[in-house]
């Protein structure tokens, strides 16, 4: 019996052949493809060698490639459009909502997308894990912040970020930086007096020159928190006809919108001035034997983004010129105590 041979056909040409021949032709086609494509890039055929086969990845190895979320709406609630944060719920179909909107949808008894019954809402632990692992860079990264808060907590982080910038109070200066950078700028560029040895809730005696004087809370014993050390105080001494007027500002990156209101970091300031055994004759030739004055007030808070607040609209600690020692007319020594409210 003469054996009939069949030429090689592509798959779309095989239906005219007997079943056994069709199977044999398909197997031969796959073997040929495997022999010619091992170790080659997609679409390039040729003879392979053992060295061209890439080694398998180490056990437990993970890809370190960056993941980009092109549409952040996928991380927002479909009802209130705010970032999703745990607990997160989903309907039977998979539409997710935040916990507050889930409670509101219970009244309508229907899903906001598929109109399914809200009684089917269940916790979506996979989405909770996703939103917690979706991190964003702080907008104050340029000022030294290395934190990467969750996408849903970026606003909360910005409101407390210790690297948020403030502006230099110099009239012709446009420098903006964190509290730490501002101190270096004040001393290095402007030559303004700066002190970082003031302890909270403790009286300190400081030497104030005319013009700007800056202090930052610090405590070697650790009683001052990092947030307190973010507080930078400006003591502005202005020479007047008969006195020195001292005004105090709290320079804080998270000041309230209205500069005339206390900011989120409320601080009390206590200023004292005392001179005893004076032998000064002042008009109308009255002999002043001693002088004591003390004031306690809430400090005005600002980030200086709108410039210096008007000193005439703030409390000023006024020290009469005639009680200042004759050899220290260019400065005034006062007692200072800062207290957190």
C-alpha atoms as a PDB file:
ATOM      1  CA  UNK A   1       0.000   0.000   0.000  1.00  0.00           C
ATOM      2  CA  UNK A   2       1.408   3.336  -1.035  1.00  0.00           C
ATOM      3  CA  UNK A   3       1.799   5.845   1.778  1.00  0.00           C
ATOM      4  CA  UNK A   4       0.619   9.315   1.052  1.00  0.00           C
ATOM      5  CA  UNK A   5       2.642  12.158   2.540  1.00  0.00           C
ATOM      6  CA  UNK A   6       1.186  15.538   3.456  1.00  0.00           C
ATOM      7  CA  UNK A   7       3.045  18.779   3.094  1.00  0.00           C
ATOM      8  CA  UNK A   8       3.387  21.219   6.070  1.00  0.00           C
ATOM      9  CA  UNK A   9       0.367  23.458   6.462  1.00  0.00           C
ATOM     10  CA  UNK A  10      -0.542  26.327   8.753  1.00  0.00           C
ATOM     11  CA  UNK A  11      -3.394  25.799  11.172  1.00  0.00           C
ATOM     12  CA  UNK A  12      -5.943  27.504   8.936  1.00  0.00           C
ATOM     13  CA  UNK A  13      -5.063  25.063   6.137  1.00  0.00           C
ATOM     14  CA  UNK A  14      -5.302  21.849   8.163  1.00  0.00           C
ATOM     15  CA  UNK A  15      -9.052  21.130   8.109  1.00  0.00           C
ATOM     16  CA  UNK A  16      -8.726  19.284   4.770  1.00  0.00           C
ATOM     17  CA  UNK A  17      -6.296  16.704   6.254  1.00  0.00           C
ATOM     18  CA  UNK A  18      -7.150  13.600   8.267  1.00  0.00           C
ATOM     19  CA  UNK A  19      -7.198  14.134  12.064  1.00  0.00           C
ATOM     20  CA  UNK A  20      -3.985  12.164  12.762  1.00  0.00           C
ATOM     21  CA  UNK A  21      -2.067  14.123  10.133  1.00  0.00           C
ATOM     22  CA  UNK A  22      -3.383  17.377  11.465  1.00  0.00           C
ATOM     23  CA  UNK A  23      -2.173  16.570  15.003  1.00  0.00           C
ATOM     24  CA  UNK A  24       1.245  15.465  13.788  1.00  0.00           C
ATOM     25  CA  UNK A  25       1.694  18.633  11.742  1.00  0.00           C
ATOM     26  CA  UNK A  26       0.706  20.844  14.674  1.00  0.00           C
ATOM     27  CA  UNK A  27       3.156  19.065  17.048  1.00  0.00           C
ATOM     28  CA  UNK A  28       5.983  19.393  14.537  1.00  0.00           C
ATOM     29  CA  UNK A  29       5.231  23.094  14.173  1.00  0.00           C
ATOM     30  CA  UNK A  30       5.459  23.651  17.935  1.00  0.00           C
ATOM     31  CA  UNK A  31       8.723  21.696  18.220  1.00  0.00           C
ATOM     32  CA  UNK A  32      10.298  23.764  15.452  1.00  0.00           C
ATOM     33  CA  UNK A  33       9.181  26.999  17.087  1.00  0.00           C
ATOM     34  CA  UNK A  34      10.612  25.948  20.457  1.00  0.00           C
ATOM     35  CA  UNK A  35      13.980  24.963  18.927  1.00  0.00           C
ATOM     36  CA  UNK A  36      14.429  28.294  17.158  1.00  0.00           C
ATOM     37  CA  UNK A  37      13.136  30.785  19.754  1.00  0.00           C
ATOM     38  CA  UNK A  38      14.790  29.734  23.046  1.00  0.00           C
ATOM     39  CA  UNK A  39      16.888  32.597  24.523  1.00  0.00           C
ATOM     40  CA  UNK A  40      15.900  35.108  21.839  1.00  0.00           C
ATOM     41  CA  UNK A  41      13.902  38.312  22.210  1.00  0.00           C
ATOM     42  CA  UNK A  42      10.305  38.244  21.077  1.00  0.00           C
ATOM     43  CA  UNK A  43      10.004  38.161  17.310  1.00  0.00           C
ATOM     44  CA  UNK A  44      13.668  37.106  16.690  1.00  0.00           C
ATOM     45  CA  UNK A  45      14.354  33.535  15.746  1.00  0.00           C
ATOM     46  CA  UNK A  46      17.653  31.692  15.598  1.00  0.00           C
ATOM     47  CA  UNK A  47      19.820  29.010  17.150  1.00  0.00           C
ATOM     48  CA  UNK A  48      20.157  29.275  20.922  1.00  0.00           C
ATOM     49  CA  UNK A  49      22.984  28.497  23.275  1.00  0.00           C
ATOM     50  CA  UNK A  50      22.826  27.658  26.978  1.00  0.00           C
ATOM     51  CA  UNK A  51      24.550  30.938  27.881  1.00  0.00           C
ATOM     52  CA  UNK A  52      21.815  32.963  26.186  1.00  0.00           C
ATOM     53  CA  UNK A  53      19.131  31.748  28.589  1.00  0.00           C
ATOM     54  CA  UNK A  54      18.646  34.338  31.370  1.00  0.00           C
ATOM     55  CA  UNK A  55      19.123  32.988  34.914  1.00  0.00           C
ATOM     56  CA  UNK A  56      16.020  32.690  37.065  1.00  0.00           C
ATOM     57  CA  UNK A  57      15.477  35.477  39.676  1.00  0.00           C
ATOM     58  CA  UNK A  58      16.613  34.704  43.249  1.00  0.00           C
ATOM     59  CA  UNK A  59      14.031  33.187  45.513  1.00  0.00           C
ATOM     60  CA  UNK A  60      11.924  35.842  47.232  1.00  0.00           C
ATOM     61  CA  UNK A  61      13.275  38.638  45.032  1.00  0.00           C
ATOM     62  CA  UNK A  62      10.930  41.602  44.502  1.00  0.00           C
ATOM     63  CA  UNK A  63      10.880  44.195  41.756  1.00  0.00           C
ATOM     64  CA  UNK A  64      11.908  47.645  42.957  1.00  0.00           C
ATOM     65  CA  UNK A  65      10.372  49.428  39.975  1.00  0.00           C
ATOM     66  CA  UNK A  66       8.449  52.582  40.847  1.00  0.00           C
ATOM     67  CA  UNK A  67       4.665  52.362  40.640  1.00  0.00           C
ATOM     68  CA  UNK A  68       2.806  55.386  39.301  1.00  0.00           C
ATOM     69  CA  UNK A  69      -0.875  56.081  39.907  1.00  0.00           C
ATOM     70  CA  UNK A  70      -1.954  57.965  36.801  1.00  0.00           C
ATOM     71  CA  UNK A  71      -5.508  58.605  38.002  1.00  0.00           C
ATOM     72  CA  UNK A  72      -5.709  59.480  41.712  1.00  0.00           C
ATOM     73  CA  UNK A  73      -9.501  59.525  41.413  1.00  0.00           C
ATOM     74  CA  UNK A  74      -9.222  55.760  41.823  1.00  0.00           C
ATOM     75  CA  UNK A  75      -8.105  56.438  45.417  1.00  0.00           C
ATOM     76  CA  UNK A  76     -11.030  58.771  46.156  1.00  0.00           C
ATOM     77  CA  UNK A  77     -14.503  58.004  47.408  1.00  0.00           C
ATOM     78  CA  UNK A  78     -17.056  57.947  44.582  1.00  0.00           C
ATOM     79  CA  UNK A  79     -19.601  59.865  46.654  1.00  0.00           C
ATOM     80  CA  UNK A  80     -17.774  62.651  48.528  1.00  0.00           C
ATOM     81  CA  UNK A  81     -14.672  62.590  46.265  1.00  0.00           C
ATOM     82  CA  UNK A  82     -12.348  62.773  49.266  1.00  0.00           C
ATOM     83  CA  UNK A  83      -9.362  60.409  49.590  1.00  0.00           C
ATOM     84  CA  UNK A  84     -10.380  56.957  50.781  1.00  0.00           C
ATOM     85  CA  UNK A  85      -9.071  55.941  54.173  1.00  0.00           C
ATOM     86  CA  UNK A  86      -9.816  52.914  56.374  1.00  0.00           C
ATOM     87  CA  UNK A  87     -12.394  51.669  57.042  1.00  0.00           C
ATOM     88  CA  UNK A  88     -13.457  51.276  53.391  1.00  0.00           C
ATOM     89  CA  UNK A  89     -16.577  49.445  52.256  1.00  0.00           C
ATOM     90  CA  UNK A  90     -17.729  47.893  48.990  1.00  0.00           C
ATOM     91  CA  UNK A  91     -21.039  46.697  47.617  1.00  0.00           C
ATOM     92  CA  UNK A  92     -21.608  43.196  46.262  1.00  0.00           C
ATOM     93  CA  UNK A  93     -20.380  44.304  42.822  1.00  0.00           C
ATOM     94  CA  UNK A  94     -17.230  45.971  44.171  1.00  0.00           C
ATOM     95  CA  UNK A  95     -17.991  49.703  44.196  1.00  0.00           C
ATOM     96  CA  UNK A  96     -16.146  51.267  47.140  1.00  0.00           C
ATOM     97  CA  UNK A  97     -17.121  54.119  49.477  1.00  0.00           C
ATOM     98  CA  UNK A  98     -15.733  55.631  52.653  1.00  0.00           C
ATOM     99  CA  UNK A  99     -17.331  54.821  55.983  1.00  0.00           C
ATOM    100  CA  UNK A 100     -19.157  58.173  56.274  1.00  0.00           C
ATOM    101  CA  UNK A 101     -20.760  57.830  52.844  1.00  0.00           C
ATOM    102  CA  UNK A 102     -21.629  54.192  53.518  1.00  0.00           C
ATOM    103  CA  UNK A 103     -23.682  55.386  56.487  1.00  0.00           C
ATOM    104  CA  UNK A 104     -25.415  58.007  54.332  1.00  0.00           C
ATOM    105  CA  UNK A 105     -26.224  55.459  51.618  1.00  0.00           C
ATOM    106  CA  UNK A 106     -27.952  53.264  54.164  1.00  0.00           C
ATOM    107  CA  UNK A 107     -30.830  55.744  54.170  1.00  0.00           C
ATOM    108  CA  UNK A 108     -31.303  55.346  50.403  1.00  0.00           C
ATOM    109  CA  UNK A 109     -30.680  51.586  50.647  1.00  0.00           C
ATOM    110  CA  UNK A 110     -28.977  51.587  47.251  1.00  0.00           C
ATOM    111  CA  UNK A 111     -25.404  51.677  45.950  1.00  0.00           C
ATOM    112  CA  UNK A 112     -24.482  54.991  44.327  1.00  0.00           C
ATOM    113  CA  UNK A 113     -23.318  53.219  41.133  1.00  0.00           C
ATOM    114  CA  UNK A 114     -25.123  49.950  40.536  1.00  0.00           C
ATOM    115  CA  UNK A 115     -28.168  50.793  42.676  1.00  0.00           C
ATOM    116  CA  UNK A 116     -27.757  47.510  44.500  1.00  0.00           C
ATOM    117  CA  UNK A 117     -29.003  47.094  48.037  1.00  0.00           C
ATOM    118  CA  UNK A 118     -26.642  48.723  50.569  1.00  0.00           C
ATOM    119  CA  UNK A 119     -27.226  45.872  52.952  1.00  0.00           C
ATOM    120  CA  UNK A 120     -24.534  44.086  50.985  1.00  0.00           C
ATOM    121  CA  UNK A 121     -21.749  46.562  51.891  1.00  0.00           C
ATOM    122  CA  UNK A 122     -18.742  44.793  53.420  1.00  0.00           C
ATOM    123  CA  UNK A 123     -15.263  45.858  54.489  1.00  0.00           C
ATOM    124  CA  UNK A 124     -12.805  46.004  51.592  1.00  0.00           C
ATOM    125  CA  UNK A 125      -9.518  45.058  53.258  1.00  0.00           C
ATOM    126  CA  UNK A 126      -7.662  44.877  49.941  1.00  0.00           C
ATOM    127  CA  UNK A 127      -8.494  48.527  49.155  1.00  0.00           C
ATOM    128  CA  UNK A 128      -7.559  49.582  52.680  1.00  0.00           C
ATOM    129  CA  UNK A 129      -4.160  47.998  52.256  1.00  0.00           C
ATOM    130  CA  UNK A 130      -3.760  49.704  48.881  1.00  0.00           C
ATOM    131  CA  UNK A 131      -4.552  53.220  50.116  1.00  0.00           C
ATOM    132  CA  UNK A 132      -2.315  52.790  53.165  1.00  0.00           C
ATOM    133  CA  UNK A 133       0.589  51.793  50.930  1.00  0.00           C
ATOM    134  CA  UNK A 134       0.000  54.616  48.409  1.00  0.00           C
ATOM    135  CA  UNK A 135       2.549  57.206  49.550  1.00  0.00           C
ATOM    136  CA  UNK A 136       3.221  60.740  48.330  1.00  0.00           C
ATOM    137  CA  UNK A 137       6.156  63.075  48.833  1.00  0.00           C
ATOM    138  CA  UNK A 138       5.634  66.008  51.187  1.00  0.00           C
ATOM    139  CA  UNK A 139       5.254  69.334  49.405  1.00  0.00           C
ATOM    140  CA  UNK A 140       7.932  70.670  51.759  1.00  0.00           C
ATOM    141  CA  UNK A 141      10.551  68.228  50.463  1.00  0.00           C
ATOM    142  CA  UNK A 142      12.501  71.182  49.055  1.00  0.00           C
ATOM    143  CA  UNK A 143      12.815  72.505  52.620  1.00  0.00           C
ATOM    144  CA  UNK A 144      14.160  69.264  54.065  1.00  0.00           C
ATOM    145  CA  UNK A 145      11.122  67.072  54.764  1.00  0.00           C
ATOM    146  CA  UNK A 146      11.706  63.424  53.872  1.00  0.00           C
ATOM    147  CA  UNK A 147       8.328  62.120  55.054  1.00  0.00           C
ATOM    148  CA  UNK A 148       6.099  60.187  52.631  1.00  0.00           C
ATOM    149  CA  UNK A 149       2.633  60.205  54.183  1.00  0.00           C
ATOM    150  CA  UNK A 150      -0.225  58.072  52.848  1.00  0.00           C
ATOM    151  CA  UNK A 151      -2.191  59.695  50.031  1.00  0.00           C
ATOM    152  CA  UNK A 152      -5.249  59.985  52.256  1.00  0.00           C
ATOM    153  CA  UNK A 153      -3.259  61.703  55.049  1.00  0.00           C
ATOM    154  CA  UNK A 154      -1.220  64.195  53.029  1.00  0.00           C
ATOM    155  CA  UNK A 155      -3.374  67.134  54.164  1.00  0.00           C
ATOM    156  CA  UNK A 156      -3.015  66.138  57.809  1.00  0.00           C
ATOM    157  CA  UNK A 157       0.743  65.872  57.412  1.00  0.00           C
ATOM    158  CA  UNK A 158       1.008  69.294  55.736  1.00  0.00           C
ATOM    159  CA  UNK A 159      -0.840  70.909  58.657  1.00  0.00           C
ATOM    160  CA  UNK A 160       1.787  69.604  61.101  1.00  0.00           C
ATOM    161  CA  UNK A 161       4.910  69.352  58.960  1.00  0.00           C
ATOM    162  CA  UNK A 162       7.919  70.688  60.872  1.00  0.00           C
ATOM    163  CA  UNK A 163       9.608  71.729  57.625  1.00  0.00           C
ATOM    164  CA  UNK A 164       6.887  74.079  56.399  1.00  0.00           C
ATOM    165  CA  UNK A 165       8.503  77.374  55.357  1.00  0.00           C
ATOM    166  CA  UNK A 166       8.196  80.921  56.667  1.00  0.00           C
ATOM    167  CA  UNK A 167       9.335  84.175  55.120  1.00  0.00           C
ATOM    168  CA  UNK A 168      12.165  86.431  56.211  1.00  0.00           C
ATOM    169  CA  UNK A 169      10.869  89.668  57.820  1.00  0.00           C
ATOM    170  CA  UNK A 170      13.542  91.773  56.108  1.00  0.00           C
ATOM    171  CA  UNK A 171      11.941  94.481  53.963  1.00  0.00           C
ATOM    172  CA  UNK A 172      13.932  93.772  50.808  1.00  0.00           C
ATOM    173  CA  UNK A 173      14.560  90.077  51.466  1.00  0.00           C
ATOM    174  CA  UNK A 174      12.630  87.321  49.687  1.00  0.00           C
ATOM    175  CA  UNK A 175      14.221  84.366  51.512  1.00  0.00           C
ATOM    176  CA  UNK A 176      11.813  81.547  52.427  1.00  0.00           C
ATOM    177  CA  UNK A 177      12.798  78.526  54.485  1.00  0.00           C
ATOM    178  CA  UNK A 178      12.176  76.302  57.482  1.00  0.00           C
ATOM    179  CA  UNK A 179      12.734  77.537  61.032  1.00  0.00           C
ATOM    180  CA  UNK A 180      16.201  75.992  61.067  1.00  0.00           C
ATOM    181  CA  UNK A 181      17.109  77.630  57.760  1.00  0.00           C
ATOM    182  CA  UNK A 182      15.695  80.969  58.893  1.00  0.00           C
ATOM    183  CA  UNK A 183      17.948  81.053  61.963  1.00  0.00           C
ATOM    184  CA  UNK A 184      21.043  80.470  59.837  1.00  0.00           C
ATOM    185  CA  UNK A 185      19.839  83.110  57.386  1.00  0.00           C
ATOM    186  CA  UNK A 186      19.150  85.712  60.099  1.00  0.00           C
ATOM    187  CA  UNK A 187      22.576  85.336  61.687  1.00  0.00           C
ATOM    188  CA  UNK A 188      24.641  84.792  58.542  1.00  0.00           C
ATOM    189  CA  UNK A 189      23.039  87.232  56.102  1.00  0.00           C
ATOM    190  CA  UNK A 190      21.486  89.962  58.267  1.00  0.00           C
ATOM    191  CA  UNK A 191      23.588  89.683  61.430  1.00  0.00           C
ATOM    192  CA  UNK A 192      20.519  89.809  63.657  1.00  0.00           C
ATOM    193  CA  UNK A 193      20.980  88.520  67.258  1.00  0.00           C
ATOM    194  CA  UNK A 194      19.732  84.923  67.627  1.00  0.00           C
ATOM    195  CA  UNK A 195      19.481  82.749  70.722  1.00  0.00           C
ATOM    196  CA  UNK A 196      18.558  79.056  70.977  1.00  0.00           C
ATOM    197  CA  UNK A 197      19.061  78.612  74.736  1.00  0.00           C
ATOM    198  CA  UNK A 198      15.620  79.687  75.947  1.00  0.00           C
ATOM    199  CA  UNK A 199      13.739  77.063  77.935  1.00  0.00           C
ATOM    200  CA  UNK A 200       9.986  76.834  77.979  1.00  0.00           C
ATOM    201  CA  UNK A 201       8.235  77.717  81.263  1.00  0.00           C
ATOM    202  CA  UNK A 202      11.491  79.093  82.707  1.00  0.00           C
ATOM    203  CA  UNK A 203      12.512  82.701  83.191  1.00  0.00           C
ATOM    204  CA  UNK A 204      15.471  83.811  81.086  1.00  0.00           C
ATOM    205  CA  UNK A 205      17.223  87.172  81.113  1.00  0.00           C
ATOM    206  CA  UNK A 206      18.090  88.377  77.653  1.00  0.00           C
ATOM    207  CA  UNK A 207      19.928  91.373  76.218  1.00  0.00           C
ATOM    208  CA  UNK A 208      17.829  93.002  73.493  1.00  0.00           C
ATOM    209  CA  UNK A 209      19.336  95.387  70.976  1.00  0.00           C
ATOM    210  CA  UNK A 210      17.382  97.905  68.943  1.00  0.00           C
ATOM    211  CA  UNK A 211      15.750  96.205  65.968  1.00  0.00           C
ATOM    212  CA  UNK A 212      15.114  92.494  65.430  1.00  0.00           C
ATOM    213  CA  UNK A 213      16.082  89.895  68.036  1.00  0.00           C
ATOM    214  CA  UNK A 214      15.242  86.187  67.554  1.00  0.00           C
ATOM    215  CA  UNK A 215      14.943  83.332  70.019  1.00  0.00           C
ATOM    216  CA  UNK A 216      14.069  79.680  69.554  1.00  0.00           C
ATOM    217  CA  UNK A 217      12.955  77.401  72.346  1.00  0.00           C
ATOM    218  CA  UNK A 218      15.429  74.719  73.300  1.00  0.00           C
ATOM    219  CA  UNK A 219      16.149  72.527  76.266  1.00  0.00           C
ATOM    220  CA  UNK A 220      19.194  70.322  76.764  1.00  0.00           C
ATOM    221  CA  UNK A 221      17.221  68.257  79.283  1.00  0.00           C
ATOM    222  CA  UNK A 222      14.639  67.274  76.685  1.00  0.00           C
ATOM    223  CA  UNK A 223      11.671  69.098  78.230  1.00  0.00           C
ATOM    224  CA  UNK A 224      11.057  70.972  74.987  1.00  0.00           C
ATOM    225  CA  UNK A 225       9.269  68.985  72.302  1.00  0.00           C
ATOM    226  CA  UNK A 226      10.262  69.048  68.660  1.00  0.00           C
ATOM    227  CA  UNK A 227       7.106  71.011  67.871  1.00  0.00           C
ATOM    228  CA  UNK A 228       8.051  73.634  70.479  1.00  0.00           C
ATOM    229  CA  UNK A 229      11.517  73.975  68.950  1.00  0.00           C
ATOM    230  CA  UNK A 230       9.761  74.836  65.697  1.00  0.00           C
ATOM    231  CA  UNK A 231       8.525  78.030  67.357  1.00  0.00           C
ATOM    232  CA  UNK A 232      10.641  81.042  66.482  1.00  0.00           C
ATOM    233  CA  UNK A 233      10.058  84.294  68.359  1.00  0.00           C
ATOM    234  CA  UNK A 234      10.783  87.757  67.049  1.00  0.00           C
ATOM    235  CA  UNK A 235      11.298  90.476  69.665  1.00  0.00           C
ATOM    236  CA  UNK A 236      11.249  93.798  67.857  1.00  0.00           C
ATOM    237  CA  UNK A 237      12.713  96.702  69.854  1.00  0.00           C
ATOM    238  CA  UNK A 238      11.791 100.149  68.572  1.00  0.00           C
ATOM    239  CA  UNK A 239      13.331 103.343  69.914  1.00  0.00           C
ATOM    240  CA  UNK A 240      10.731 105.985  70.742  1.00  0.00           C
ATOM    241  CA  UNK A 241      11.042 109.519  72.069  1.00  0.00           C
ATOM    242  CA  UNK A 242      10.723 108.592  75.735  1.00  0.00           C
ATOM    243  CA  UNK A 243      10.923 104.807  75.772  1.00  0.00           C
ATOM    244  CA  UNK A 244      11.748 101.475  74.175  1.00  0.00           C
ATOM    245  CA  UNK A 245       8.737  99.577  72.803  1.00  0.00           C
ATOM    246  CA  UNK A 246       9.120  95.799  72.644  1.00  0.00           C
ATOM    247  CA  UNK A 247       6.666  93.730  70.585  1.00  0.00           C
ATOM    248  CA  UNK A 248       6.728  89.942  70.369  1.00  0.00           C
ATOM    249  CA  UNK A 249       5.743  87.756  67.406  1.00  0.00           C
ATOM    250  CA  UNK A 250       5.599  83.990  67.109  1.00  0.00           C
ATOM    251  CA  UNK A 251       6.856  83.043  63.643  1.00  0.00           C
ATOM    252  CA  UNK A 252       5.134  79.760  62.904  1.00  0.00           C
ATOM    253  CA  UNK A 253       4.543  78.013  59.559  1.00  0.00           C
ATOM    254  CA  UNK A 254       1.043  76.938  60.585  1.00  0.00           C
ATOM    255  CA  UNK A 255      -0.278  80.332  61.612  1.00  0.00           C
ATOM    256  CA  UNK A 256      -3.982  81.042  61.280  1.00  0.00           C
ATOM    257  CA  UNK A 257      -5.327  82.843  58.229  1.00  0.00           C
ATOM    258  CA  UNK A 258      -5.886  85.993  60.279  1.00  0.00           C
ATOM    259  CA  UNK A 259      -2.540  87.195  61.605  1.00  0.00           C
ATOM    260  CA  UNK A 260      -4.239  89.006  64.472  1.00  0.00           C
ATOM    261  CA  UNK A 261      -5.556  85.781  65.979  1.00  0.00           C
ATOM    262  CA  UNK A 262      -3.576  83.188  67.972  1.00  0.00           C
ATOM    263  CA  UNK A 263      -2.397  80.363  65.748  1.00  0.00           C
ATOM    264  CA  UNK A 264      -2.760  76.652  66.351  1.00  0.00           C
ATOM    265  CA  UNK A 265       0.317  76.856  68.589  1.00  0.00           C
ATOM    266  CA  UNK A 266      -0.888  79.065  71.440  1.00  0.00           C
ATOM    267  CA  UNK A 267       1.868  80.676  73.487  1.00  0.00           C
ATOM    268  CA  UNK A 268       1.905  83.047  76.452  1.00  0.00           C
ATOM    269  CA  UNK A 269       4.760  85.482  76.915  1.00  0.00           C
ATOM    270  CA  UNK A 270       5.764  87.133  80.170  1.00  0.00           C
ATOM    271  CA  UNK A 271       8.102  90.131  80.073  1.00  0.00           C
ATOM    272  CA  UNK A 272       9.605  91.793  83.120  1.00  0.00           C
ATOM    273  CA  UNK A 273      11.930  94.710  83.682  1.00  0.00           C
ATOM    274  CA  UNK A 274      13.445  95.717  86.976  1.00  0.00           C
ATOM    275  CA  UNK A 275      15.952  98.299  88.193  1.00  0.00           C
ATOM    276  CA  UNK A 276      16.708  99.022  91.832  1.00  0.00           C
ATOM    277  CA  UNK A 277      18.854 101.499  93.795  1.00  0.00           C
ATOM    278  CA  UNK A 278      18.466 104.049  91.030  1.00  0.00           C
ATOM    279  CA  UNK A 279      19.907 107.495  91.523  1.00  0.00           C
ATOM    280  CA  UNK A 280      18.409 109.058  88.431  1.00  0.00           C
ATOM    281  CA  UNK A 281      16.728 112.414  88.492  1.00  0.00           C
ATOM    282  CA  UNK A 282      13.961 112.548  85.888  1.00  0.00           C
ATOM    283  CA  UNK A 283      11.472 115.320  85.047  1.00  0.00           C
ATOM    284  CA  UNK A 284      10.233 117.020  87.055  1.00  0.00           C
ATOM    285  CA  UNK A 285      13.393 116.234  89.053  1.00  0.00           C
ATOM    286  CA  UNK A 286      11.847 113.302  90.921  1.00  0.00           C
ATOM    287  CA  UNK A 287      14.331 110.810  92.334  1.00  0.00           C
ATOM    288  CA  UNK A 288      13.492 107.260  91.150  1.00  0.00           C
ATOM    289  CA  UNK A 289      14.654 104.736  93.737  1.00  0.00           C
ATOM    290  CA  UNK A 290      13.444 101.565  91.903  1.00  0.00           C
ATOM    291  CA  UNK A 291      11.372 100.527  88.957  1.00  0.00           C
ATOM    292  CA  UNK A 292       9.559  97.222  88.303  1.00  0.00           C
ATOM    293  CA  UNK A 293       7.142  96.277  85.545  1.00  0.00           C
ATOM    294  CA  UNK A 294       5.651  92.997  84.387  1.00  0.00           C
ATOM    295  CA  UNK A 295       3.235  92.004  81.630  1.00  0.00           C
ATOM    296  CA  UNK A 296       1.772  88.700  80.467  1.00  0.00           C
ATOM    297  CA  UNK A 297       0.038  88.316  77.090  1.00  0.00           C
ATOM    298  CA  UNK A 298      -0.818  85.902  74.276  1.00  0.00           C
ATOM    299  CA  UNK A 299       1.693  86.153  71.456  1.00  0.00           C
ATOM    300  CA  UNK A 300       0.517  87.137  67.982  1.00  0.00           C
ATOM    301  CA  UNK A 301       1.251  84.338  65.514  1.00  0.00           C
ATOM    302  CA  UNK A 302       2.241  84.777  61.864  1.00  0.00           C
ATOM    303  CA  UNK A 303       4.121  83.061  59.039  1.00  0.00           C
ATOM    304  CA  UNK A 304       5.115  86.514  57.717  1.00  0.00           C
ATOM    305  CA  UNK A 305       3.631  85.718  54.292  1.00  0.00           C
ATOM    306  CA  UNK A 306       1.843  89.080  54.487  1.00  0.00           C
ATOM    307  CA  UNK A 307       4.762  90.920  56.029  1.00  0.00           C
ATOM    308  CA  UNK A 308       5.099  92.157  59.583  1.00  0.00           C
ATOM    309  CA  UNK A 309       1.811  92.867  61.366  1.00  0.00           C
ATOM    310  CA  UNK A 310       1.296  96.474  62.427  1.00  0.00           C
ATOM    311  CA  UNK A 311       2.955  96.872  65.863  1.00  0.00           C
ATOM    312  CA  UNK A 312       0.375  99.523  66.832  1.00  0.00           C
ATOM    313  CA  UNK A 313      -2.297  96.805  66.651  1.00  0.00           C
ATOM    314  CA  UNK A 314      -0.419  94.489  69.032  1.00  0.00           C
ATOM    315  CA  UNK A 315       0.595  94.652  72.671  1.00  0.00           C
ATOM    316  CA  UNK A 316       3.865  96.485  73.265  1.00  0.00           C
ATOM    317  CA  UNK A 317       6.001  96.287  76.377  1.00  0.00           C
ATOM    318  CA  UNK A 318       7.174  99.864  76.958  1.00  0.00           C
ATOM    319  CA  UNK A 319      10.264 100.571  79.073  1.00  0.00           C
ATOM    320  CA  UNK A 320      10.818 104.269  79.923  1.00  0.00           C
ATOM    321  CA  UNK A 321      14.166 105.674  78.892  1.00  0.00           C
ATOM    322  CA  UNK A 322      14.814 107.267  82.276  1.00  0.00           C
ATOM    323  CA  UNK A 323      15.024 103.859  84.005  1.00  0.00           C
ATOM    324  CA  UNK A 324      17.636 102.534  81.584  1.00  0.00           C
ATOM    325  CA  UNK A 325      21.216 102.624  82.847  1.00  0.00           C
ATOM    326  CA  UNK A 326      23.147 105.507  81.340  1.00  0.00           C
ATOM    327  CA  UNK A 327      25.817 103.226  79.794  1.00  0.00           C
ATOM    328  CA  UNK A 328      23.267 100.898  78.159  1.00  0.00           C
ATOM    329  CA  UNK A 329      21.049 103.255  76.216  1.00  0.00           C
ATOM    330  CA  UNK A 330      21.430 101.166  73.043  1.00  0.00           C
ATOM    331  CA  UNK A 331      19.935  98.021  74.574  1.00  0.00           C
ATOM    332  CA  UNK A 332      17.575  96.777  77.237  1.00  0.00           C
ATOM    333  CA  UNK A 333      17.794  93.741  79.532  1.00  0.00           C
ATOM    334  CA  UNK A 334      14.460  92.038  80.196  1.00  0.00           C
ATOM    335  CA  UNK A 335      13.201  88.859  81.780  1.00  0.00           C
ATOM    336  CA  UNK A 336      11.375  86.489  79.421  1.00  0.00           C
ATOM    337  CA  UNK A 337       9.197  83.472  80.099  1.00  0.00           C
ATOM    338  CA  UNK A 338       7.426  81.505  77.342  1.00  0.00           C
ATOM    339  CA  UNK A 339       4.545  79.232  78.296  1.00  0.00           C
ATOM    340  CA  UNK A 340       2.512  76.913  76.126  1.00  0.00           C
ATOM    341  CA  UNK A 341      -1.244  77.255  76.558  1.00  0.00           C
END
